[in-house]
């Protein structure tokens, strides 16, 4: 079984060290996401080659946290832009805070909505790629693919 991501994180050449989202996420949440990934890999390894291949196709379509946040910011910004300025002062402030959150995320790799999404299990691209790598390696070892 490949090393867990918490083990990999300690290696100096690991790209996850430069993953700003993981760096700003509490360790317990990172560990929970890593454990869920490992459980998924084990479950698919037990299910056979076709299941692994199906999971690899699913991973190609999985949205990472960057994509989820950008989409959410776009939707919220668009809605607030349409209804906020004309109807409500609190909605204008909500729109301004959304822009501030987006700037915070781009500059620092952290914003309050990111923490909520991480708690829900939304993964970074590095985490998705790690699962993909484990499954591809398993296919190669087990089935010579």
Protein backbone atom coordinates (compact mmCIF):
# COMPACT_ATOMS: atom_id res chain seq x y z
CA UNK A 1 0.00 0.00 0.00
CA UNK A 2 1.42 3.46 -0.86
CA UNK A 3 2.45 5.75 1.96
CA UNK A 4 -0.29 7.88 3.43
CA UNK A 5 -0.46 11.52 2.48
CA UNK A 6 0.42 12.56 6.04
CA UNK A 7 3.69 10.66 5.62
CA UNK A 8 4.29 12.13 2.19
CA UNK A 9 3.70 15.66 3.46
CA UNK A 10 6.87 15.53 5.53
CA UNK A 11 9.13 14.92 2.56
CA UNK A 12 10.90 18.09 1.40
CA UNK A 13 10.34 17.53 -2.34
CA UNK A 14 6.61 16.91 -1.98
CA UNK A 15 4.42 19.37 -3.93
CA UNK A 16 1.84 19.29 -1.12
CA UNK A 17 4.22 21.38 0.96
CA UNK A 18 3.43 24.18 -1.49
CA UNK A 19 -0.31 23.50 -1.41
CA UNK A 20 -1.66 26.64 0.22
CA UNK A 21 -5.08 25.16 0.89
CA UNK A 22 -3.67 22.22 2.85
CA UNK A 23 -1.34 24.55 4.70
CA UNK A 24 -4.32 26.67 5.82
CA UNK A 25 -6.56 23.73 6.68
CA UNK A 26 -6.47 22.31 10.22
CA UNK A 27 -4.53 19.05 10.44
CA UNK A 28 -7.56 17.09 11.63
CA UNK A 29 -9.50 18.05 8.50
CA UNK A 30 -6.56 17.18 6.23
CA UNK A 31 -6.23 13.85 8.01
CA UNK A 32 -9.95 13.15 7.63
CA UNK A 33 -9.80 13.90 3.90
CA UNK A 34 -6.66 11.74 3.54
CA UNK A 35 -8.27 8.87 5.44
CA UNK A 36 -11.39 9.07 3.24
CA UNK A 37 -9.17 8.98 0.15
CA UNK A 38 -7.29 5.94 1.43
CA UNK A 39 -10.56 4.16 2.27
CA UNK A 40 -11.81 4.87 -1.24
CA UNK A 41 -8.62 3.48 -2.78
CA UNK A 42 -8.83 0.31 -0.68
CA UNK A 43 -12.50 -0.15 -1.53
CA UNK A 44 -11.81 0.15 -5.26
CA UNK A 45 -8.78 -2.13 -5.05
CA UNK A 46 -11.02 -4.81 -3.57
CA UNK A 47 -13.62 -4.25 -6.30
CA UNK A 48 -11.37 -5.10 -9.23
CA UNK A 49 -10.01 -3.61 -12.42
CA UNK A 50 -13.28 -2.35 -13.92
CA UNK A 51 -14.17 -0.54 -10.70
CA UNK A 52 -10.72 1.08 -10.57
CA UNK A 53 -11.06 2.22 -14.18
CA UNK A 54 -14.54 3.61 -13.42
CA UNK A 55 -13.14 5.50 -10.42
CA UNK A 56 -10.35 6.96 -12.56
CA UNK A 57 -12.99 8.32 -14.95
CA UNK A 58 -14.88 9.80 -11.98
CA UNK A 59 -11.70 11.52 -10.77
CA UNK A 60 -11.34 13.20 -14.17
CA UNK A 61 -14.68 14.94 -13.53
CA UNK A 62 -14.22 15.74 -9.82
CA UNK A 63 -14.15 19.44 -9.06
CA UNK A 64 -11.26 20.60 -6.88
CA UNK A 65 -11.64 23.34 -4.29
CA UNK A 66 -10.33 26.05 -6.63
CA UNK A 67 -13.00 25.30 -9.20
CA UNK A 68 -15.76 25.11 -6.58
CA UNK A 69 -14.75 28.43 -5.02
CA UNK A 70 -14.43 30.26 -8.33
CA UNK A 71 -17.82 28.98 -9.47
CA UNK A 72 -19.42 29.92 -6.15
CA UNK A 73 -17.87 33.40 -6.23
CA UNK A 74 -19.08 33.91 -9.79
CA UNK A 75 -22.65 32.83 -9.01
CA UNK A 76 -22.87 34.82 -5.79
CA UNK A 77 -21.27 37.86 -7.40
CA UNK A 78 -23.61 37.75 -10.36
CA UNK A 79 -26.73 37.39 -8.22
CA UNK A 80 -25.66 40.13 -5.83
CA UNK A 81 -24.72 42.41 -8.71
CA UNK A 82 -28.22 42.06 -10.11
CA UNK A 83 -30.27 42.42 -6.94
CA UNK A 84 -27.98 44.03 -4.38
CA UNK A 85 -27.40 47.63 -5.45
CA UNK A 86 -31.07 48.37 -6.05
CA UNK A 87 -32.70 46.56 -3.17
CA UNK A 88 -30.69 46.33 -0.02
CA UNK A 89 -27.73 47.85 1.73
CA UNK A 90 -26.91 44.54 3.53
CA UNK A 91 -26.74 42.78 0.16
CA UNK A 92 -24.19 45.34 -1.03
CA UNK A 93 -22.05 44.53 2.00
CA UNK A 94 -22.43 40.83 1.31
CA UNK A 95 -21.19 41.45 -2.23
CA UNK A 96 -18.22 43.41 -0.95
CA UNK A 97 -17.33 40.66 1.52
CA UNK A 98 -17.55 38.09 -1.29
CA UNK A 99 -15.03 40.12 -3.30
CA UNK A 100 -12.81 40.39 -0.22
CA UNK A 101 -13.00 36.62 0.30
CA UNK A 102 -12.01 36.01 -3.31
CA UNK A 103 -9.02 38.35 -2.97
CA UNK A 104 -8.01 36.67 0.31
CA UNK A 105 -8.13 33.27 -1.34
CA UNK A 106 -6.07 34.38 -4.32
CA UNK A 107 -3.44 36.13 -2.20
CA UNK A 108 -3.17 33.80 0.76
CA UNK A 109 -4.82 30.51 -0.21
CA UNK A 110 -7.37 30.91 2.55
CA UNK A 111 -10.83 32.39 3.01
CA UNK A 112 -13.76 31.57 5.31
CA UNK A 113 -15.81 29.74 2.62
CA UNK A 114 -12.79 27.53 1.89
CA UNK A 115 -12.86 26.20 5.44
CA UNK A 116 -16.53 25.26 5.12
CA UNK A 117 -15.84 23.46 1.84
CA UNK A 118 -12.86 21.60 3.34
CA UNK A 119 -15.04 20.45 6.22
CA UNK A 120 -17.45 19.09 3.61
CA UNK A 121 -14.56 17.12 2.08
CA UNK A 122 -13.86 19.16 -1.05
CA UNK A 123 -10.32 18.26 -2.08
CA UNK A 124 -7.42 20.07 -3.68
CA UNK A 125 -6.14 19.09 -7.10
CA UNK A 126 -3.06 17.59 -5.42
CA UNK A 127 -5.29 15.35 -3.29
CA UNK A 128 -7.29 14.22 -6.29
CA UNK A 129 -4.06 13.56 -8.20
CA UNK A 130 -2.71 11.55 -5.25
CA UNK A 131 -5.73 9.23 -5.37
CA UNK A 132 -5.40 8.94 -9.14
CA UNK A 133 -1.71 8.09 -8.76
CA UNK A 134 -2.40 5.39 -6.19
CA UNK A 135 -5.05 3.79 -8.40
CA UNK A 136 -2.89 3.93 -11.54
CA UNK A 137 0.02 2.38 -9.63
CA UNK A 138 -2.29 -0.33 -8.33
CA UNK A 139 -3.49 -1.09 -11.88
CA UNK A 140 0.10 -1.28 -13.05
CA UNK A 141 1.18 -3.63 -10.26
CA UNK A 142 -1.92 -5.82 -10.11
CA UNK A 143 -2.89 -6.01 -13.74
CA UNK A 144 0.17 -4.92 -15.69
CA UNK A 145 -1.79 -2.06 -17.20
